[in-house]
Amino acid sequence: MSGRFLTSHGLCGNMTDVRDAIRDAFEHTQYDLGDVAVNRRQVRVAVRQKGADPDALRAVIEEALGADAIASVTVTTETIDNADTIGTVVSFRHRP
């Protein structure tokens, strides 16, 4: 099963699947999701709420991808949406 992982949304095998799984998971939360960017195995998830609960954001991502699929998680407050909004950004390394 190299390069593929099982999510609550089925078996995923590429970074587009990662992006879609995260977007789907955030649809059912109170968070307004901004951009989800994937560069190789580094993933950046922008949430439009400043000061969003880091543990809750991580839990949504872990539910979408599996706890073993994420590593080196950081949560920061940054400008997002072309510097028009202050939001919360979760960055992590994806481990398929």
Protein backbone atom coordinates (compact mmCIF):
# COMPACT_ATOMS: atom_id res chain seq x y z
CA MET A 1 0.00 0.00 0.00
CA SER A 2 2.99 2.27 -0.55
CA GLY A 3 2.11 5.87 -1.38
CA ARG A 4 -1.55 5.33 -0.43
CA PHE A 5 -3.39 5.90 2.82
CA LEU A 6 -6.82 5.18 4.19
CA THR A 7 -9.01 8.08 5.27
CA SER A 8 -12.61 8.29 6.38
CA HIS A 9 -13.23 9.22 2.75
CA GLY A 10 -11.61 6.10 1.30
CA LEU A 11 -8.17 5.13 0.05
CA CYS A 12 -6.05 8.10 -1.01
CA GLY A 13 -2.86 8.03 -2.97
CA ASN A 14 -1.76 11.50 -4.02
CA MET A 15 -1.55 15.06 -2.78
CA THR A 16 -4.80 16.04 -4.51
CA ASP A 17 -6.49 13.40 -2.37
CA VAL A 18 -4.87 14.94 0.73
CA ARG A 19 -6.19 18.37 -0.21
CA ASP A 20 -9.69 17.01 -0.89
CA ALA A 21 -9.80 14.98 2.34
CA ILE A 22 -8.87 18.06 4.39
CA ARG A 23 -11.44 20.23 2.60
CA ASP A 24 -14.15 17.60 3.15
CA ALA A 25 -13.31 17.31 6.85
CA PHE A 26 -13.50 21.06 7.42
CA GLU A 27 -16.91 21.31 5.71
CA HIS A 28 -18.48 19.88 8.87
CA THR A 29 -16.82 22.29 11.34
CA GLN A 30 -17.35 25.88 12.41
CA TYR A 31 -14.06 26.85 10.77
CA ASP A 32 -13.91 28.85 7.54
CA LEU A 33 -11.20 27.10 5.54
CA GLY A 34 -8.90 29.18 3.39
CA ASP A 35 -6.24 27.76 1.12
CA VAL A 36 -4.91 24.21 1.41
CA ALA A 37 -1.47 24.11 -0.19
CA VAL A 38 0.61 21.00 -0.77
CA ASN A 39 4.27 21.09 -1.77
CA ARG A 40 5.71 17.60 -1.96
CA ARG A 41 4.88 16.25 1.50
CA GLN A 42 4.60 19.64 3.25
CA VAL A 43 0.98 20.71 3.77
CA ARG A 44 -0.26 24.18 4.78
CA VAL A 45 -3.87 24.63 5.88
CA ALA A 46 -5.13 28.21 6.35
CA VAL A 47 -8.19 28.85 8.51
CA ARG A 48 -9.79 32.29 8.38
CA GLN A 49 -10.35 32.51 12.15
CA LYS A 50 -7.63 34.28 14.10
CA GLY A 51 -6.78 32.37 17.26
CA ALA A 52 -8.56 29.14 16.30
CA ASP A 53 -7.99 26.29 18.78
CA PRO A 54 -4.81 24.47 17.65
CA ASP A 55 -5.86 21.17 19.22
CA ALA A 56 -9.24 21.27 17.49
CA LEU A 57 -7.65 22.05 14.11
CA ARG A 58 -5.18 19.21 14.53
CA ALA A 59 -8.03 16.85 15.48
CA VAL A 60 -9.93 17.70 12.27
CA ILE A 61 -6.82 17.01 10.17
CA GLU A 62 -6.05 13.79 12.05
CA GLU A 63 -9.60 12.62 11.49
CA ALA A 64 -9.29 13.35 7.78
CA LEU A 65 -5.88 11.73 7.21
CA GLY A 66 -5.20 9.58 10.26
CA ALA A 67 -2.99 10.48 13.22
CA ASP A 68 -0.06 8.50 11.82
CA ALA A 69 -0.18 10.44 8.55
CA ILE A 70 0.91 13.78 10.01
CA ALA A 71 4.18 14.85 11.61
CA SER A 72 5.93 18.04 12.69
CA VAL A 73 2.71 19.98 13.22
CA THR A 74 2.99 23.73 13.80
CA VAL A 75 0.16 26.20 14.32
CA THR A 76 0.76 29.91 13.76
CA THR A 77 -1.17 33.15 13.36
CA GLU A 78 -0.40 34.68 9.96
CA THR A 79 -1.77 36.95 7.30
CA ILE A 80 -3.66 34.90 4.72
CA ASP A 81 -5.78 35.57 1.63
CA ASN A 82 -3.14 37.83 0.05
CA ALA A 83 -2.52 39.60 3.38
CA ASP A 84 -6.16 40.73 3.67
CA THR A 85 -6.99 38.53 6.69
CA ILE A 86 -5.32 37.44 9.90
CA GLY A 87 -5.89 33.71 10.32
CA THR A 88 -4.56 30.52 11.84
CA VAL A 89 -2.27 28.31 9.76
CA VAL A 90 -1.57 24.64 10.43
CA SER A 91 1.54 23.27 8.72
CA PHE A 92 2.64 19.67 8.81
CA ARG A 93 4.57 16.98 6.97
CA HIS A 94 2.39 14.29 5.42
CA ARG A 95 3.47 10.68 5.86
CA PRO A 96 1.59 8.39 3.47
